[in-house]
Amino acid sequence: MKFKILVAVFSFGIFVLTSCTDTVKETTVVKETKTENKEGILERSAKKVDAEVNKEIDNKIEEIGDDN
């Protein structure tokens, strides 16, 4: 019985000590410089991703080959 009480007190103590710890949250701010381009960062990123995807698609098509 004493062992169960000791375990309960120990568990409660660990819970109290660990539940109040603060977590650090980091935020990243991206600032753009003024350019002649009127495109935003999303449009430029999308163009880069599209180019990479198109290259991968072209490579897969070349691997498969022409069935004609």
PDB file of N, CA and C in Angstrom:
ATOM      1  N   MET A   1       0.816  -1.189   0.000  1.00  0.00           N
ATOM      2  CA  MET A   1       0.000   0.000   0.000  1.00  0.00           C
ATOM      3  C   MET A   1       0.861   1.255   0.000  1.00  0.00           C
ATOM      4  N   LYS A   2       1.923   1.241   0.802  1.00  0.00           N
ATOM      5  CA  LYS A   2       2.820   2.391   0.850  1.00  0.00           C
ATOM      6  C   LYS A   2       3.500   2.590  -0.502  1.00  0.00           C
ATOM      7  N   PHE A   3       3.786   1.479  -1.175  1.00  0.00           N
ATOM      8  CA  PHE A   3       4.444   1.564  -2.480  1.00  0.00           C
ATOM      9  C   PHE A   3       3.530   2.239  -3.496  1.00  0.00           C
ATOM     10  N   LYS A   4       2.243   1.917  -3.484  1.00  0.00           N
ATOM     11  CA  LYS A   4       1.287   2.538  -4.404  1.00  0.00           C
ATOM     12  C   LYS A   4       1.172   4.035  -4.141  1.00  0.00           C
ATOM     13  N   ILE A   5       1.152   4.411  -2.888  1.00  0.00           N
ATOM     14  CA  ILE A   5       1.079   5.835  -2.536  1.00  0.00           C
ATOM     15  C   ILE A   5       2.356   6.541  -2.970  1.00  0.00           C
ATOM     16  N   LEU A   6       3.489   5.911  -2.764  1.00  0.00           N
ATOM     17  CA  LEU A   6       4.768   6.493  -3.167  1.00  0.00           C
ATOM     18  C   LEU A   6       4.825   6.684  -4.685  1.00  0.00           C
ATOM     19  N   VAL A   7       4.376   5.701  -5.439  1.00  0.00           N
ATOM     20  CA  VAL A   7       4.351   5.802  -6.901  1.00  0.00           C
ATOM     21  C   VAL A   7       3.399   6.905  -7.336  1.00  0.00           C
ATOM     22  N   ALA A   8       2.240   7.021  -6.714  1.00  0.00           N
ATOM     23  CA  ALA A   8       1.269   8.056  -7.060  1.00  0.00           C
ATOM     24  C   ALA A   8       1.842   9.444  -6.791  1.00  0.00           C
ATOM     25  N   VAL A   9       2.484   9.621  -5.643  1.00  0.00           N
ATOM     26  CA  VAL A   9       3.083  10.920  -5.301  1.00  0.00           C
ATOM     27  C   VAL A   9       4.221  11.245  -6.270  1.00  0.00           C
ATOM     28  N   PHE A  10       5.031  10.272  -6.583  1.00  0.00           N
ATOM     29  CA  PHE A  10       6.142  10.475  -7.511  1.00  0.00           C
ATOM     30  C   PHE A  10       5.629  10.840  -8.906  1.00  0.00           C
ATOM     31  N   SER A  11       4.598  10.147  -9.367  1.00  0.00           N
ATOM     32  CA  SER A  11       4.015  10.442 -10.678  1.00  0.00           C
ATOM     33  C   SER A  11       3.413  11.839 -10.711  1.00  0.00           C
ATOM     34  N   PHE A  12       2.699  12.199  -9.660  1.00  0.00           N
ATOM     35  CA  PHE A  12       2.111  13.530  -9.584  1.00  0.00           C
ATOM     36  C   PHE A  12       3.198  14.606  -9.590  1.00  0.00           C
ATOM     37  N   GLY A  13       4.293  14.369  -8.890  1.00  0.00           N
ATOM     38  CA  GLY A  13       5.394  15.330  -8.855  1.00  0.00           C
ATOM     39  C   GLY A  13       6.029  15.504 -10.223  1.00  0.00           C
ATOM     40  N   ILE A  14       6.224  14.419 -10.926  1.00  0.00           N
ATOM     41  CA  ILE A  14       6.785  14.514 -12.281  1.00  0.00           C
ATOM     42  C   ILE A  14       5.830  15.264 -13.197  1.00  0.00           C
ATOM     43  N   PHE A  15       4.533  14.984 -13.088  1.00  0.00           N
ATOM     44  CA  PHE A  15       3.539  15.661 -13.912  1.00  0.00           C
ATOM     45  C   PHE A  15       3.557  17.166 -13.656  1.00  0.00           C
ATOM     46  N   VAL A  16       3.619  17.565 -12.401  1.00  0.00           N
ATOM     47  CA  VAL A  16       3.607  18.987 -12.050  1.00  0.00           C
ATOM     48  C   VAL A  16       4.865  19.673 -12.569  1.00  0.00           C
ATOM     49  N   LEU A  17       6.001  19.024 -12.470  1.00  0.00           N
ATOM     50  CA  LEU A  17       7.258  19.653 -12.890  1.00  0.00           C
ATOM     51  C   LEU A  17       7.391  19.733 -14.405  1.00  0.00           C
ATOM     52  N   THR A  18       6.826  18.788 -15.134  1.00  0.00           N
ATOM     53  CA  THR A  18       7.002  18.791 -16.589  1.00  0.00           C
ATOM     54  C   THR A  18       5.859  19.450 -17.331  1.00  0.00           C
ATOM     55  N   SER A  19       4.705  19.597 -16.742  1.00  0.00           N
ATOM     56  CA  SER A  19       3.563  20.152 -17.466  1.00  0.00           C
ATOM     57  C   SER A  19       3.652  21.671 -17.610  1.00  0.00           C
ATOM     58  N   CYS A  20       4.455  22.323 -16.826  1.00  0.00           N
ATOM     59  CA  CYS A  20       4.520  23.786 -16.860  1.00  0.00           C
ATOM     60  C   CYS A  20       5.731  24.310 -17.628  1.00  0.00           C
ATOM     61  N   THR A  21       6.410  23.444 -18.345  1.00  0.00           N
ATOM     62  CA  THR A  21       7.580  23.913 -19.083  1.00  0.00           C
ATOM     63  C   THR A  21       7.133  24.677 -20.317  1.00  0.00           C
ATOM     64  N   ASP A  22       7.837  25.747 -20.632  1.00  0.00           N
ATOM     65  CA  ASP A  22       7.516  26.564 -21.793  1.00  0.00           C
ATOM     66  C   ASP A  22       8.236  26.010 -23.015  1.00  0.00           C
ATOM     67  N   THR A  23       7.553  26.067 -24.128  1.00  0.00           N
ATOM     68  CA  THR A  23       8.189  25.670 -25.377  1.00  0.00           C
ATOM     69  C   THR A  23       8.545  26.934 -26.142  1.00  0.00           C
ATOM     70  N   VAL A  24       9.664  26.902 -26.820  1.00  0.00           N
ATOM     71  CA  VAL A  24      10.124  28.058 -27.570  1.00  0.00           C
ATOM     72  C   VAL A  24       9.606  27.942 -28.999  1.00  0.00           C
ATOM     73  N   LYS A  25       8.949  28.973 -29.443  1.00  0.00           N
ATOM     74  CA  LYS A  25       8.438  28.998 -30.818  1.00  0.00           C
ATOM     75  C   LYS A  25       9.238  30.020 -31.605  1.00  0.00           C
ATOM     76  N   GLU A  26       9.782  29.556 -32.716  1.00  0.00           N
ATOM     77  CA  GLU A  26      10.546  30.459 -33.567  1.00  0.00           C
ATOM     78  C   GLU A  26       9.717  30.788 -34.798  1.00  0.00           C
ATOM     79  N   THR A  27       9.726  32.056 -35.160  1.00  0.00           N
ATOM     80  CA  THR A  27       9.036  32.464 -36.371  1.00  0.00           C
ATOM     81  C   THR A  27      10.064  33.049 -37.322  1.00  0.00           C
ATOM     82  N   THR A  28       9.869  32.769 -38.581  1.00  0.00           N
ATOM     83  CA  THR A  28      10.769  33.267 -39.606  1.00  0.00           C
ATOM     84  C   THR A  28      10.018  34.288 -40.442  1.00  0.00           C
ATOM     85  N   VAL A  29      10.596  35.446 -40.597  1.00  0.00           N
ATOM     86  CA  VAL A  29       9.991  36.501 -41.387  1.00  0.00           C
ATOM     87  C   VAL A  29      10.809  36.668 -42.658  1.00  0.00           C
ATOM     88  N   VAL A  30      10.121  36.587 -43.795  1.00  0.00           N
ATOM     89  CA  VAL A  30      10.784  36.742 -45.079  1.00  0.00           C
ATOM     90  C   VAL A  30      10.425  38.118 -45.604  1.00  0.00           C
ATOM     91  N   LYS A  31      11.438  38.929 -45.806  1.00  0.00           N
ATOM     92  CA  LYS A  31      11.211  40.260 -46.334  1.00  0.00           C
ATOM     93  C   LYS A  31      11.745  40.310 -47.756  1.00  0.00           C
ATOM     94  N   GLU A  32      10.975  40.895 -48.627  1.00  0.00           N
ATOM     95  CA  GLU A  32      11.376  40.998 -50.015  1.00  0.00           C
ATOM     96  C   GLU A  32      11.901  42.403 -50.288  1.00  0.00           C
ATOM     97  N   THR A  33      12.888  42.445 -51.155  1.00  0.00           N
ATOM     98  CA  THR A  33      13.370  43.743 -51.587  1.00  0.00           C
ATOM     99  C   THR A  33      12.579  44.151 -52.814  1.00  0.00           C
ATOM    100  N   LYS A  34      12.530  45.401 -53.063  1.00  0.00           N
ATOM    101  CA  LYS A  34      11.769  45.890 -54.217  1.00  0.00           C
ATOM    102  C   LYS A  34      12.497  45.512 -55.493  1.00  0.00           C
ATOM    103  N   THR A  35      11.782  44.895 -56.380  1.00  0.00           N
ATOM    104  CA  THR A  35      12.340  44.512 -57.672  1.00  0.00           C
ATOM    105  C   THR A  35      11.423  45.020 -58.764  1.00  0.00           C
ATOM    106  N   GLU A  36      11.893  44.908 -59.974  1.00  0.00           N
ATOM    107  CA  GLU A  36      11.075  45.340 -61.101  1.00  0.00           C
ATOM    108  C   GLU A  36       9.961  44.333 -61.370  1.00  0.00           C
ATOM    109  N   ASN A  37      10.136  43.119 -60.883  1.00  0.00           N
ATOM    110  CA  ASN A  37       9.115  42.100 -61.068  1.00  0.00           C
ATOM    111  C   ASN A  37       7.896  42.436 -60.236  1.00  0.00           C
ATOM    112  N   LYS A  38       6.746  42.311 -60.800  1.00  0.00           N
ATOM    113  CA  LYS A  38       5.505  42.545 -60.067  1.00  0.00           C
ATOM    114  C   LYS A  38       4.990  41.253 -59.446  1.00  0.00           C
ATOM    115  N   GLU A  39       5.697  40.154 -59.678  1.00  0.00           N
ATOM    116  CA  GLU A  39       5.281  38.872 -59.123  1.00  0.00           C
ATOM    117  C   GLU A  39       5.644  38.807 -57.643  1.00  0.00           C
ATOM    118  N   GLY A  40       4.807  38.130 -56.911  1.00  0.00           N
ATOM    119  CA  GLY A  40       5.076  37.933 -55.501  1.00  0.00           C
ATOM    120  C   GLY A  40       5.938  36.702 -55.289  1.00  0.00           C
ATOM    121  N   ILE A  41       6.259  36.450 -54.041  1.00  0.00           N
ATOM    122  CA  ILE A  41       7.125  35.317 -53.713  1.00  0.00           C
ATOM    123  C   ILE A  41       6.445  33.992 -54.044  1.00  0.00           C
ATOM    124  N   LEU A  42       5.125  33.921 -53.900  1.00  0.00           N
ATOM    125  CA  LEU A  42       4.419  32.679 -54.205  1.00  0.00           C
ATOM    126  C   LEU A  42       4.485  32.353 -55.691  1.00  0.00           C
ATOM    127  N   GLU A  43       4.308  33.361 -56.529  1.00  0.00           N
ATOM    128  CA  GLU A  43       4.358  33.124 -57.964  1.00  0.00           C
ATOM    129  C   GLU A  43       5.751  32.678 -58.405  1.00  0.00           C
ATOM    130  N   ARG A  44       6.781  33.311 -57.863  1.00  0.00           N
ATOM    131  CA  ARG A  44       8.149  32.923 -58.230  1.00  0.00           C
ATOM    132  C   ARG A  44       8.459  31.515 -57.747  1.00  0.00           C
ATOM    133  N   SER A  45       8.012  31.187 -56.540  1.00  0.00           N
ATOM    134  CA  SER A  45       8.232  29.836 -56.012  1.00  0.00           C
ATOM    135  C   SER A  45       7.488  28.809 -56.848  1.00  0.00           C
ATOM    136  N   ALA A  46       6.260  29.138 -57.242  1.00  0.00           N
ATOM    137  CA  ALA A  46       5.466  28.208 -58.048  1.00  0.00           C
ATOM    138  C   ALA A  46       6.130  27.958 -59.398  1.00  0.00           C
ATOM    139  N   LYS A  47       6.714  28.983 -59.995  1.00  0.00           N
ATOM    140  CA  LYS A  47       7.395  28.801 -61.279  1.00  0.00           C
ATOM    141  C   LYS A  47       8.586  27.856 -61.132  1.00  0.00           C
ATOM    142  N   LYS A  48       9.347  28.001 -60.045  1.00  0.00           N
ATOM    143  CA  LYS A  48      10.498  27.127 -59.818  1.00  0.00           C
ATOM    144  C   LYS A  48      10.043  25.676 -59.623  1.00  0.00           C
ATOM    145  N   VAL A  49       8.991  25.492 -58.842  1.00  0.00           N
ATOM    146  CA  VAL A  49       8.482  24.141 -58.600  1.00  0.00           C
ATOM    147  C   VAL A  49       7.944  23.547 -59.894  1.00  0.00           C
ATOM    148  N   ASP A  50       7.215  24.346 -60.675  1.00  0.00           N
ATOM    149  CA  ASP A  50       6.691  23.855 -61.945  1.00  0.00           C
ATOM    150  C   ASP A  50       7.812  23.416 -62.871  1.00  0.00           C
ATOM    151  N   ALA A  51       8.886  24.179 -62.918  1.00  0.00           N
ATOM    152  CA  ALA A  51      10.010  23.814 -63.778  1.00  0.00           C
ATOM    153  C   ALA A  51      10.618  22.488 -63.337  1.00  0.00           C
ATOM    154  N   GLU A  52      10.776  22.290 -62.037  1.00  0.00           N
ATOM    155  CA  GLU A  52      11.341  21.039 -61.526  1.00  0.00           C
ATOM    156  C   GLU A  52      10.413  19.858 -61.812  1.00  0.00           C
ATOM    157  N   VAL A  53       9.117  20.049 -61.623  1.00  0.00           N
ATOM    158  CA  VAL A  53       8.159  18.976 -61.882  1.00  0.00           C
ATOM    159  C   VAL A  53       8.148  18.628 -63.363  1.00  0.00           C
ATOM    160  N   ASN A  54       8.188  19.646 -64.222  1.00  0.00           N
ATOM    161  CA  ASN A  54       8.203  19.388 -65.659  1.00  0.00           C
ATOM    162  C   ASN A  54       9.445  18.606 -66.063  1.00  0.00           C
ATOM    163  N   LYS A  55      10.592  18.904 -65.448  1.00  0.00           N
ATOM    164  CA  LYS A  55      11.807  18.140 -65.752  1.00  0.00           C
ATOM    165  C   LYS A  55      11.644  16.678 -65.352  1.00  0.00           C
ATOM    166  N   GLU A  56      11.059  16.449 -64.174  1.00  0.00           N
ATOM    167  CA  GLU A  56      10.852  15.072 -63.719  1.00  0.00           C
ATOM    168  C   GLU A  56       9.885  14.327 -64.632  1.00  0.00           C
ATOM    169  N   ILE A  57       8.828  15.005 -65.064  1.00  0.00           N
ATOM    170  CA  ILE A  57       7.865  14.386 -65.981  1.00  0.00           C
ATOM    171  C   ILE A  57       8.538  14.034 -67.291  1.00  0.00           C
ATOM    172  N   ASP A  58       9.342  14.949 -67.818  1.00  0.00           N
ATOM    173  CA  ASP A  58      10.049  14.686 -69.066  1.00  0.00           C
ATOM    174  C   ASP A  58      10.985  13.497 -68.923  1.00  0.00           C
ATOM    175  N   ASN A  59      11.680  13.399 -67.799  1.00  0.00           N
ATOM    176  CA  ASN A  59      12.579  12.267 -67.570  1.00  0.00           C
ATOM    177  C   ASN A  59      11.809  10.950 -67.514  1.00  0.00           C
ATOM    178  N   LYS A  60      10.656  10.936 -66.859  1.00  0.00           N
ATOM    179  CA  LYS A  60       9.847   9.713 -66.777  1.00  0.00           C
ATOM    180  C   LYS A  60       9.326   9.319 -68.156  1.00  0.00           C
ATOM    181  N   ILE A  61       8.926  10.289 -68.954  1.00  0.00           N
ATOM    182  CA  ILE A  61       8.440  10.005 -70.306  1.00  0.00           C
ATOM    183  C   ILE A  61       9.554   9.408 -71.145  1.00  0.00           C
ATOM    184  N   GLU A  62      10.759   9.930 -71.011  1.00  0.00           N
ATOM    185  CA  GLU A  62      11.889   9.386 -71.762  1.00  0.00           C
ATOM    186  C   GLU A  62      12.221   7.962 -71.298  1.00  0.00           C
ATOM    187  N   GLU A  63      12.085   7.701 -69.984  1.00  0.00           N
ATOM    188  CA  GLU A  63      12.343   6.348 -69.469  1.00  0.00           C
ATOM    189  C   GLU A  63      11.341   5.338 -70.028  1.00  0.00           C
ATOM    190  N   ILE A  64      10.071   5.742 -70.098  1.00  0.00           N
ATOM    191  CA  ILE A  64       9.026   4.847 -70.585  1.00  0.00           C
ATOM    192  C   ILE A  64       9.202   4.607 -72.081  1.00  0.00           C
ATOM    193  N   GLY A  65       9.489   5.652 -72.806  1.00  0.00           N
ATOM    194  CA  GLY A  65       9.707   5.519 -74.243  1.00  0.00           C
ATOM    195  C   GLY A  65       8.412   5.622 -75.018  1.00  0.00           C
ATOM    196  N   ASP A  66       8.550   5.490 -76.328  1.00  0.00           N
ATOM    197  CA  ASP A  66       7.403   5.597 -77.238  1.00  0.00           C
ATOM    198  C   ASP A  66       6.894   4.205 -77.570  1.00  0.00           C
ATOM    199  N   ASP A  67       5.612   3.966 -77.370  1.00  0.00           N
ATOM    200  CA  ASP A  67       5.033   2.648 -77.603  1.00  0.00           C
ATOM    201  C   ASP A  67       4.598   2.439 -79.054  1.00  0.00           C
ATOM    202  N   ASN A  68       4.694   3.429 -79.882  1.00  0.00           N
ATOM    203  CA  ASN A  68       4.210   3.297 -81.274  1.00  0.00           C
ATOM    204  C   ASN A  68       5.099   2.422 -82.047  1.00  0.00           C
TER     205      ASN A  68
END
